[in-house]
Amino acid sequence: MDFVANVPLIDEPLLIIEAGMLSNDLNLINEGVGLIDAVIIHAVQKHELQLWTLD
């Protein structure tokens, strides 16, 4: 469970709205990027986090 302790908790109600606007501005849906992915991208950029992915 040490992994969970190292994951940051972001409590930001408007994050999904901001991510939706980012997705619209960058036309991410036509690139195959869904809203949940846009939320992750926006949170990582906004809070200067590191993202580890296998994609």
PDB file of N, CA and C in Angstrom:
ATOM      1  N   MET A   1       0.799  -1.197   0.000  1.00  0.00           N
ATOM      2  CA  MET A   1       0.000   0.000   0.000  1.00  0.00           C
ATOM      3  C   MET A   1       0.846   1.267   0.000  1.00  0.00           C
ATOM      4  N   ASP A   2       2.150   1.139  -0.052  1.00  0.00           N
ATOM      5  CA  ASP A   2       2.998   2.323  -0.109  1.00  0.00           C
ATOM      6  C   ASP A   2       2.763   3.106  -1.392  1.00  0.00           C
ATOM      7  N   PHE A   3       2.376   2.407  -2.447  1.00  0.00           N
ATOM      8  CA  PHE A   3       2.114   3.073  -3.719  1.00  0.00           C
ATOM      9  C   PHE A   3       0.998   4.098  -3.572  1.00  0.00           C
ATOM     10  N   VAL A   4      -0.066   3.724  -2.894  1.00  0.00           N
ATOM     11  CA  VAL A   4      -1.219   4.611  -2.727  1.00  0.00           C
ATOM     12  C   VAL A   4      -0.832   5.862  -1.950  1.00  0.00           C
ATOM     13  N   ALA A   5       0.064   5.734  -1.002  1.00  0.00           N
ATOM     14  CA  ALA A   5       0.502   6.886  -0.213  1.00  0.00           C
ATOM     15  C   ALA A   5       1.263   7.896  -1.066  1.00  0.00           C
ATOM     16  N   ASN A   6       1.844   7.471  -2.167  1.00  0.00           N
ATOM     17  CA  ASN A   6       2.623   8.358  -3.030  1.00  0.00           C
ATOM     18  C   ASN A   6       1.811   8.995  -4.154  1.00  0.00           C
ATOM     19  N   VAL A   7       0.554   8.625  -4.280  1.00  0.00           N
ATOM     20  CA  VAL A   7      -0.298   9.178  -5.328  1.00  0.00           C
ATOM     21  C   VAL A   7      -0.965  10.447  -4.794  1.00  0.00           C
ATOM     22  N   PRO A   8      -0.796  11.579  -5.503  1.00  0.00           N
ATOM     23  CA  PRO A   8      -1.389  12.822  -5.009  1.00  0.00           C
ATOM     24  C   PRO A   8      -2.915  12.806  -5.124  1.00  0.00           C
ATOM     25  N   LEU A   9      -3.577  13.419  -4.165  1.00  0.00           N
ATOM     26  CA  LEU A   9      -5.030  13.549  -4.169  1.00  0.00           C
ATOM     27  C   LEU A   9      -5.368  14.959  -4.638  1.00  0.00           C
ATOM     28  N   ILE A  10      -6.154  15.054  -5.677  1.00  0.00           N
ATOM     29  CA  ILE A  10      -6.547  16.354  -6.213  1.00  0.00           C
ATOM     30  C   ILE A  10      -8.043  16.516  -5.987  1.00  0.00           C
ATOM     31  N   ASP A  11      -8.405  17.442  -5.115  1.00  0.00           N
ATOM     32  CA  ASP A  11      -9.812  17.730  -4.832  1.00  0.00           C
ATOM     33  C   ASP A  11     -10.150  19.076  -5.468  1.00  0.00           C
ATOM     34  N   GLU A  12     -10.535  19.027  -6.725  1.00  0.00           N
ATOM     35  CA  GLU A  12     -10.785  20.239  -7.486  1.00  0.00           C
ATOM     36  C   GLU A  12     -12.039  20.031  -8.332  1.00  0.00           C
ATOM     37  N   PRO A  13     -13.198  20.494  -7.855  1.00  0.00           N
ATOM     38  CA  PRO A  13     -14.467  20.225  -8.537  1.00  0.00           C
ATOM     39  C   PRO A  13     -14.540  20.731  -9.981  1.00  0.00           C
ATOM     40  N   LEU A  14     -13.867  21.817 -10.291  1.00  0.00           N
ATOM     41  CA  LEU A  14     -13.961  22.379 -11.642  1.00  0.00           C
ATOM     42  C   LEU A  14     -12.953  21.787 -12.615  1.00  0.00           C
ATOM     43  N   LEU A  15     -12.157  20.843 -12.157  1.00  0.00           N
ATOM     44  CA  LEU A  15     -11.126  20.250 -13.008  1.00  0.00           C
ATOM     45  C   LEU A  15     -11.728  19.606 -14.256  1.00  0.00           C
ATOM     46  N   ILE A  16     -12.846  18.938 -14.115  1.00  0.00           N
ATOM     47  CA  ILE A  16     -13.453  18.264 -15.266  1.00  0.00           C
ATOM     48  C   ILE A  16     -14.012  19.273 -16.270  1.00  0.00           C
ATOM     49  N   ILE A  17     -14.523  20.402 -15.766  1.00  0.00           N
ATOM     50  CA  ILE A  17     -15.015  21.455 -16.662  1.00  0.00           C
ATOM     51  C   ILE A  17     -13.851  22.059 -17.443  1.00  0.00           C
ATOM     52  N   GLU A  18     -12.763  22.369 -16.733  1.00  0.00           N
ATOM     53  CA  GLU A  18     -11.572  22.920 -17.382  1.00  0.00           C
ATOM     54  C   GLU A  18     -11.013  21.935 -18.407  1.00  0.00           C
ATOM     55  N   ALA A  19     -11.024  20.652 -18.068  1.00  0.00           N
ATOM     56  CA  ALA A  19     -10.528  19.627 -18.990  1.00  0.00           C
ATOM     57  C   ALA A  19     -11.416  19.533 -20.226  1.00  0.00           C
ATOM     58  N   GLY A  20     -12.714  19.688 -20.041  1.00  0.00           N
ATOM     59  CA  GLY A  20     -13.630  19.685 -21.177  1.00  0.00           C
ATOM     60  C   GLY A  20     -13.368  20.856 -22.111  1.00  0.00           C
ATOM     61  N   MET A  21     -13.081  22.016 -21.528  1.00  0.00           N
ATOM     62  CA  MET A  21     -12.754  23.189 -22.349  1.00  0.00           C
ATOM     63  C   MET A  21     -11.426  22.983 -23.070  1.00  0.00           C
ATOM     64  N   LEU A  22     -10.446  22.390 -22.385  1.00  0.00           N
ATOM     65  CA  LEU A  22      -9.160  22.075 -23.015  1.00  0.00           C
ATOM     66  C   LEU A  22      -9.364  21.102 -24.174  1.00  0.00           C
ATOM     67  N   SER A  23     -10.177  20.082 -23.931  1.00  0.00           N
ATOM     68  CA  SER A  23     -10.461  19.088 -24.965  1.00  0.00           C
ATOM     69  C   SER A  23     -11.103  19.742 -26.184  1.00  0.00           C
ATOM     70  N   ASN A  24     -12.026  20.653 -25.931  1.00  0.00           N
ATOM     71  CA  ASN A  24     -12.685  21.366 -27.030  1.00  0.00           C
ATOM     72  C   ASN A  24     -11.702  22.269 -27.773  1.00  0.00           C
ATOM     73  N   ASP A  25     -10.896  23.016 -27.029  1.00  0.00           N
ATOM     74  CA  ASP A  25      -9.930  23.939 -27.650  1.00  0.00           C
ATOM     75  C   ASP A  25      -8.914  23.204 -28.522  1.00  0.00           C
ATOM     76  N   LEU A  26      -8.453  22.046 -28.038  1.00  0.00           N
ATOM     77  CA  LEU A  26      -7.429  21.288 -28.763  1.00  0.00           C
ATOM     78  C   LEU A  26      -8.020  20.229 -29.695  1.00  0.00           C
ATOM     79  N   ASN A  27      -9.373  20.152 -29.719  1.00  0.00           N
ATOM     80  CA  ASN A  27     -10.070  19.197 -30.582  1.00  0.00           C
ATOM     81  C   ASN A  27      -9.599  17.764 -30.317  1.00  0.00           C
ATOM     82  N   LEU A  28      -9.469  17.429 -29.031  1.00  0.00           N
ATOM     83  CA  LEU A  28      -8.911  16.130 -28.653  1.00  0.00           C
ATOM     84  C   LEU A  28      -9.801  14.957 -29.040  1.00  0.00           C
ATOM     85  N   ILE A  29     -11.118  15.163 -29.080  1.00  0.00           N
ATOM     86  CA  ILE A  29     -12.024  14.057 -29.391  1.00  0.00           C
ATOM     87  C   ILE A  29     -11.752  13.501 -30.788  1.00  0.00           C
ATOM     88  N   ASN A  30     -11.351  14.370 -31.710  1.00  0.00           N
ATOM     89  CA  ASN A  30     -11.039  13.910 -33.068  1.00  0.00           C
ATOM     90  C   ASN A  30      -9.678  13.241 -33.152  1.00  0.00           C
ATOM     91  N   GLU A  31      -8.900  13.341 -32.093  1.00  0.00           N
ATOM     92  CA  GLU A  31      -7.605  12.659 -32.014  1.00  0.00           C
ATOM     93  C   GLU A  31      -7.733  11.333 -31.260  1.00  0.00           C
ATOM     94  N   GLY A  32      -8.958  10.997 -30.837  1.00  0.00           N
ATOM     95  CA  GLY A  32      -9.185   9.752 -30.117  1.00  0.00           C
ATOM     96  C   GLY A  32      -8.942   9.854 -28.625  1.00  0.00           C
ATOM     97  N   VAL A  33      -8.880  11.082 -28.114  1.00  0.00           N
ATOM     98  CA  VAL A  33      -8.643  11.300 -26.685  1.00  0.00           C
ATOM     99  C   VAL A  33      -9.983  11.597 -26.030  1.00  0.00           C
ATOM    100  N   GLY A  34     -10.389  10.742 -25.092  1.00  0.00           N
ATOM    101  CA  GLY A  34     -11.659  10.913 -24.407  1.00  0.00           C
ATOM    102  C   GLY A  34     -11.579  11.917 -23.269  1.00  0.00           C
ATOM    103  N   LEU A  35     -12.730  12.190 -22.659  1.00  0.00           N
ATOM    104  CA  LEU A  35     -12.804  13.190 -21.597  1.00  0.00           C
ATOM    105  C   LEU A  35     -11.998  12.784 -20.366  1.00  0.00           C
ATOM    106  N   ILE A  36     -12.028  11.520 -19.993  1.00  0.00           N
ATOM    107  CA  ILE A  36     -11.260  11.078 -18.822  1.00  0.00           C
ATOM    108  C   ILE A  36      -9.767  11.280 -19.067  1.00  0.00           C
ATOM    109  N   ASP A  37      -9.318  10.966 -20.275  1.00  0.00           N
ATOM    110  CA  ASP A  37      -7.910  11.204 -20.614  1.00  0.00           C
ATOM    111  C   ASP A  37      -7.586  12.694 -20.577  1.00  0.00           C
ATOM    112  N   ALA A  38      -8.514  13.527 -21.032  1.00  0.00           N
ATOM    113  CA  ALA A  38      -8.312  14.975 -20.997  1.00  0.00           C
ATOM    114  C   ALA A  38      -8.216  15.471 -19.556  1.00  0.00           C
ATOM    115  N   VAL A  39      -8.994  14.884 -18.659  1.00  0.00           N
ATOM    116  CA  VAL A  39      -8.917  15.247 -17.236  1.00  0.00           C
ATOM    117  C   VAL A  39      -7.536  14.902 -16.689  1.00  0.00           C
ATOM    118  N   ILE A  40      -7.035  13.734 -17.028  1.00  0.00           N
ATOM    119  CA  ILE A  40      -5.705  13.321 -16.568  1.00  0.00           C
ATOM    120  C   ILE A  40      -4.641  14.259 -17.127  1.00  0.00           C
ATOM    121  N   ILE A  41      -4.715  14.551 -18.418  1.00  0.00           N
ATOM    122  CA  ILE A  41      -3.745  15.454 -19.050  1.00  0.00           C
ATOM    123  C   ILE A  41      -3.776  16.823 -18.382  1.00  0.00           C
ATOM    124  N   HIS A  42      -4.972  17.348 -18.177  1.00  0.00           N
ATOM    125  CA  HIS A  42      -5.115  18.684 -17.589  1.00  0.00           C
ATOM    126  C   HIS A  42      -4.588  18.715 -16.153  1.00  0.00           C
ATOM    127  N   ALA A  43      -4.912  17.699 -15.365  1.00  0.00           N
ATOM    128  CA  ALA A  43      -4.444  17.652 -13.975  1.00  0.00           C
ATOM    129  C   ALA A  43      -2.923  17.574 -13.909  1.00  0.00           C
ATOM    130  N   VAL A  44      -2.331  16.775 -14.771  1.00  0.00           N
ATOM    131  CA  VAL A  44      -0.867  16.629 -14.801  1.00  0.00           C
ATOM    132  C   VAL A  44      -0.208  17.953 -15.171  1.00  0.00           C
ATOM    133  N   GLN A  45      -0.743  18.628 -16.179  1.00  0.00           N
ATOM    134  CA  GLN A  45      -0.159  19.903 -16.604  1.00  0.00           C
ATOM    135  C   GLN A  45      -0.369  20.995 -15.557  1.00  0.00           C
ATOM    136  N   LYS A  46      -1.572  21.076 -15.018  1.00  0.00           N
ATOM    137  CA  LYS A  46      -1.914  22.152 -14.082  1.00  0.00           C
ATOM    138  C   LYS A  46      -1.131  22.057 -12.780  1.00  0.00           C
ATOM    139  N   HIS A  47      -0.921  20.841 -12.291  1.00  0.00           N
ATOM    140  CA  HIS A  47      -0.266  20.652 -10.995  1.00  0.00           C
ATOM    141  C   HIS A  47       1.186  20.197 -11.126  1.00  0.00           C
ATOM    142  N   GLU A  48       1.702  20.222 -12.361  1.00  0.00           N
ATOM    143  CA  GLU A  48       3.094  19.853 -12.636  1.00  0.00           C
ATOM    144  C   GLU A  48       3.452  18.493 -12.020  1.00  0.00           C
ATOM    145  N   LEU A  49       2.602  17.502 -12.324  1.00  0.00           N
ATOM    146  CA  LEU A  49       2.796  16.143 -11.825  1.00  0.00           C
ATOM    147  C   LEU A  49       3.530  15.308 -12.863  1.00  0.00           C
ATOM    148  N   GLN A  50       3.976  14.150 -12.442  1.00  0.00           N
ATOM    149  CA  GLN A  50       4.568  13.194 -13.365  1.00  0.00           C
ATOM    150  C   GLN A  50       3.526  12.134 -13.685  1.00  0.00           C
ATOM    151  N   LEU A  51       3.503  11.703 -14.932  1.00  0.00           N
ATOM    152  CA  LEU A  51       2.547  10.695 -15.375  1.00  0.00           C
ATOM    153  C   LEU A  51       3.301   9.490 -15.892  1.00  0.00           C
ATOM    154  N   TRP A  52       2.941   8.338 -15.383  1.00  0.00           N
ATOM    155  CA  TRP A  52       3.547   7.083 -15.820  1.00  0.00           C
ATOM    156  C   TRP A  52       2.468   6.294 -16.535  1.00  0.00           C
ATOM    157  N   THR A  53       2.717   5.938 -17.778  1.00  0.00           N
ATOM    158  CA  THR A  53       1.735   5.208 -18.559  1.00  0.00           C
ATOM    159  C   THR A  53       2.427   4.122 -19.376  1.00  0.00           C
ATOM    160  N   LEU A  54       1.675   3.123 -19.735  1.00  0.00           N
ATOM    161  CA  LEU A  54       2.205   2.046 -20.567  1.00  0.00           C
ATOM    162  C   LEU A  54       1.795   2.226 -22.025  1.00  0.00           C
ATOM    163  N   ASP A  55       1.077   3.300 -22.334  1.00  0.00           N
ATOM    164  CA  ASP A  55       0.663   3.575 -23.720  1.00  0.00           C
ATOM    165  C   ASP A  55       1.814   4.077 -24.541  1.00  0.00           C
TER     166      ASP A  55
END
